Amino acid sequence: MAEQNIVIILARCSRSGKNYGIRLVQTSPGKWLGTWAFPIKKAAGKEKGYDSETMPGTFALSDTFPGCPYCKNPHIFECEECGMVGCWNGKMSVAACPWCGSLGRPW
């Protein structure tokens, strides 16, 4: 079995402001799939380097992605200003970044 390229990125709940990790699996060169989300303290995420991961390419969420562990929002987005990730409810065409307050487009 081939080894998978897996990374964890740091995200923040748009409702509670609490941090969580998102597990991304590289499915092919430049393609990433979000498969899992879990609560994490900001200090632990920074210590493990989850806030500094960069993966160029396209992103999608698996059908079994559980959503935000705090508010259960089923989607995520990357802020165009600060580059951080937050959860999104899927109902609006843009979302307010829980990190810097700017607007971002969903994945």
C-alpha atoms as a PDB file:
ATOM      1  CA  MET A   1       0.000   0.000   0.000  1.00  0.00           C
ATOM      2  CA  ALA A   2       1.402   3.404  -1.002  1.00  0.00           C
ATOM      3  CA  GLU A   3       2.044   5.985   1.697  1.00  0.00           C
ATOM      4  CA  GLN A   4      -0.447   8.877   1.695  1.00  0.00           C
ATOM      5  CA  ASN A   5       0.594  12.499   2.006  1.00  0.00           C
ATOM      6  CA  ILE A   6      -1.478  13.793   4.951  1.00  0.00           C
ATOM      7  CA  VAL A   7      -1.370  17.235   6.575  1.00  0.00           C
ATOM      8  CA  ILE A   8      -3.335  18.980   9.293  1.00  0.00           C
ATOM      9  CA  ILE A   9      -4.331  22.618   8.894  1.00  0.00           C
ATOM     10  CA  LEU A  10      -5.589  24.975  11.582  1.00  0.00           C
ATOM     11  CA  ALA A  11      -9.146  26.329  11.194  1.00  0.00           C
ATOM     12  CA  ARG A  12     -11.476  28.413  13.358  1.00  0.00           C
ATOM     13  CA  CYS A  13     -15.199  28.135  14.034  1.00  0.00           C
ATOM     14  CA  SER A  14     -17.064  31.116  12.578  1.00  0.00           C
ATOM     15  CA  ARG A  15     -19.632  31.001  15.393  1.00  0.00           C
ATOM     16  CA  SER A  16     -17.651  30.243  18.564  1.00  0.00           C
ATOM     17  CA  GLY A  17     -14.184  31.461  17.539  1.00  0.00           C
ATOM     18  CA  LYS A  18     -12.663  28.180  18.783  1.00  0.00           C
ATOM     19  CA  ASN A  19      -9.854  26.511  16.838  1.00  0.00           C
ATOM     20  CA  TYR A  20      -9.895  23.083  15.242  1.00  0.00           C
ATOM     21  CA  GLY A  21      -7.740  20.954  12.983  1.00  0.00           C
ATOM     22  CA  ILE A  22      -8.694  19.651   9.546  1.00  0.00           C
ATOM     23  CA  ARG A  23      -7.042  16.532   8.171  1.00  0.00           C
ATOM     24  CA  LEU A  24      -6.256  16.797   4.434  1.00  0.00           C
ATOM     25  CA  VAL A  25      -5.229  13.827   2.310  1.00  0.00           C
ATOM     26  CA  GLN A  26      -3.486  14.371  -1.008  1.00  0.00           C
ATOM     27  CA  THR A  27      -5.465  12.322  -3.530  1.00  0.00           C
ATOM     28  CA  SER A  28      -3.238  13.189  -6.506  1.00  0.00           C
ATOM     29  CA  PRO A  29      -0.639  15.892  -7.249  1.00  0.00           C
ATOM     30  CA  GLY A  30      -2.215  19.253  -6.372  1.00  0.00           C
ATOM     31  CA  LYS A  31      -5.509  17.751  -5.138  1.00  0.00           C
ATOM     32  CA  TRP A  32      -6.439  17.619  -1.443  1.00  0.00           C
ATOM     33  CA  LEU A  33      -9.447  16.071   0.310  1.00  0.00           C
ATOM     34  CA  GLY A  34     -10.654  17.101   3.786  1.00  0.00           C
ATOM     35  CA  THR A  35     -11.591  13.930   5.650  1.00  0.00           C
ATOM     36  CA  TRP A  36     -11.749  14.761   9.358  1.00  0.00           C
ATOM     37  CA  ALA A  37     -12.024  17.696  11.798  1.00  0.00           C
ATOM     38  CA  PHE A  38     -11.198  17.785  15.495  1.00  0.00           C
ATOM     39  CA  PRO A  39     -11.060  20.365  18.326  1.00  0.00           C
ATOM     40  CA  ILE A  40      -7.626  21.761  19.117  1.00  0.00           C
ATOM     41  CA  LYS A  41      -6.272  24.563  21.274  1.00  0.00           C
ATOM     42  CA  LYS A  42      -4.584  27.405  19.377  1.00  0.00           C
ATOM     43  CA  ALA A  43      -1.285  26.950  21.247  1.00  0.00           C
ATOM     44  CA  ALA A  44      -1.203  23.231  20.402  1.00  0.00           C
ATOM     45  CA  GLY A  45      -1.953  23.943  16.745  1.00  0.00           C
ATOM     46  CA  LYS A  46       0.851  26.502  16.533  1.00  0.00           C
ATOM     47  CA  GLU A  47       3.252  24.224  18.411  1.00  0.00           C
ATOM     48  CA  LYS A  48       2.625  21.427  15.912  1.00  0.00           C
ATOM     49  CA  GLY A  49       2.905  23.862  12.957  1.00  0.00           C
ATOM     50  CA  TYR A  50      -0.699  23.413  11.789  1.00  0.00           C
ATOM     51  CA  ASP A  51      -0.978  27.177  11.264  1.00  0.00           C
ATOM     52  CA  SER A  52       1.924  27.247   8.799  1.00  0.00           C
ATOM     53  CA  GLU A  53       0.954  24.464   6.375  1.00  0.00           C
ATOM     54  CA  THR A  54       0.643  25.533   2.740  1.00  0.00           C
ATOM     55  CA  MET A  55      -0.561  23.214   0.018  1.00  0.00           C
ATOM     56  CA  PRO A  56      -1.027  24.677  -3.446  1.00  0.00           C
ATOM     57  CA  GLY A  57      -3.774  23.058  -5.464  1.00  0.00           C
ATOM     58  CA  THR A  58      -7.471  22.359  -5.290  1.00  0.00           C
ATOM     59  CA  PHE A  59      -9.444  21.303  -2.234  1.00  0.00           C
ATOM     60  CA  ALA A  60     -12.655  19.382  -1.604  1.00  0.00           C
ATOM     61  CA  LEU A  61     -14.368  17.791   1.389  1.00  0.00           C
ATOM     62  CA  SER A  62     -15.210  14.102   1.537  1.00  0.00           C
ATOM     63  CA  ASP A  63     -18.833  12.984   1.813  1.00  0.00           C
ATOM     64  CA  THR A  64     -18.025  11.816   5.339  1.00  0.00           C
ATOM     65  CA  PHE A  65     -16.358  15.075   6.468  1.00  0.00           C
ATOM     66  CA  PRO A  66     -17.986  15.766   9.863  1.00  0.00           C
ATOM     67  CA  GLY A  67     -17.974  19.562   9.599  1.00  0.00           C
ATOM     68  CA  CYS A  68     -16.880  21.965  12.296  1.00  0.00           C
ATOM     69  CA  PRO A  69     -16.550  20.134  15.625  1.00  0.00           C
ATOM     70  CA  TYR A  70     -18.182  23.080  17.443  1.00  0.00           C
ATOM     71  CA  CYS A  71     -21.114  24.330  15.334  1.00  0.00           C
ATOM     72  CA  LYS A  72     -21.350  21.484  12.780  1.00  0.00           C
ATOM     73  CA  ASN A  73     -21.140  23.850   9.779  1.00  0.00           C
ATOM     74  CA  PRO A  74     -20.537  21.446   6.892  1.00  0.00           C
ATOM     75  CA  HIS A  75     -18.266  23.670   4.761  1.00  0.00           C
ATOM     76  CA  ILE A  76     -14.984  25.563   5.060  1.00  0.00           C
ATOM     77  CA  PHE A  77     -13.425  28.537   3.297  1.00  0.00           C
ATOM     78  CA  GLU A  78     -10.016  30.160   2.982  1.00  0.00           C
ATOM     79  CA  CYS A  79      -9.818  33.888   3.678  1.00  0.00           C
ATOM     80  CA  GLU A  80      -8.464  35.832   0.718  1.00  0.00           C
ATOM     81  CA  GLU A  81      -6.873  38.399   3.079  1.00  0.00           C
ATOM     82  CA  CYS A  82      -5.107  36.400   5.796  1.00  0.00           C
ATOM     83  CA  GLY A  83      -5.091  32.942   4.179  1.00  0.00           C
ATOM     84  CA  MET A  84      -6.550  31.227   7.258  1.00  0.00           C
ATOM     85  CA  VAL A  85      -9.460  28.768   7.188  1.00  0.00           C
ATOM     86  CA  GLY A  86     -12.883  29.003   8.847  1.00  0.00           C
ATOM     87  CA  CYS A  87     -16.134  27.081   8.814  1.00  0.00           C
ATOM     88  CA  TRP A  88     -19.064  28.212   6.675  1.00  0.00           C
ATOM     89  CA  ASN A  89     -22.752  27.300   6.719  1.00  0.00           C
ATOM     90  CA  GLY A  90     -23.117  26.890   2.952  1.00  0.00           C
ATOM     91  CA  LYS A  91     -26.015  29.338   2.662  1.00  0.00           C
ATOM     92  CA  MET A  92     -24.171  32.570   1.815  1.00  0.00           C
ATOM     93  CA  SER A  93     -21.984  33.175  -1.248  1.00  0.00           C
ATOM     94  CA  VAL A  94     -19.264  34.652   1.010  1.00  0.00           C
ATOM     95  CA  ALA A  95     -18.333  34.211   4.660  1.00  0.00           C
ATOM     96  CA  ALA A  96     -16.736  36.481   7.278  1.00  0.00           C
ATOM     97  CA  CYS A  97     -13.296  35.265   8.326  1.00  0.00           C
ATOM     98  CA  PRO A  98     -13.225  34.310  12.021  1.00  0.00           C
ATOM     99  CA  TRP A  99      -9.512  35.256  12.103  1.00  0.00           C
ATOM    100  CA  CYS A 100      -9.401  38.760  10.570  1.00  0.00           C
ATOM    101  CA  GLY A 101     -13.027  39.681   9.750  1.00  0.00           C
ATOM    102  CA  SER A 102     -12.548  39.909   5.962  1.00  0.00           C
ATOM    103  CA  LEU A 103     -14.835  38.124   3.497  1.00  0.00           C
ATOM    104  CA  GLY A 104     -13.838  34.853   1.812  1.00  0.00           C
ATOM    105  CA  ARG A 105     -15.212  32.402  -0.743  1.00  0.00           C
ATOM    106  CA  PRO A 106     -16.057  28.831   0.243  1.00  0.00           C
ATOM    107  CA  TRP A 107     -14.259  25.721  -1.038  1.00  0.00           C
END
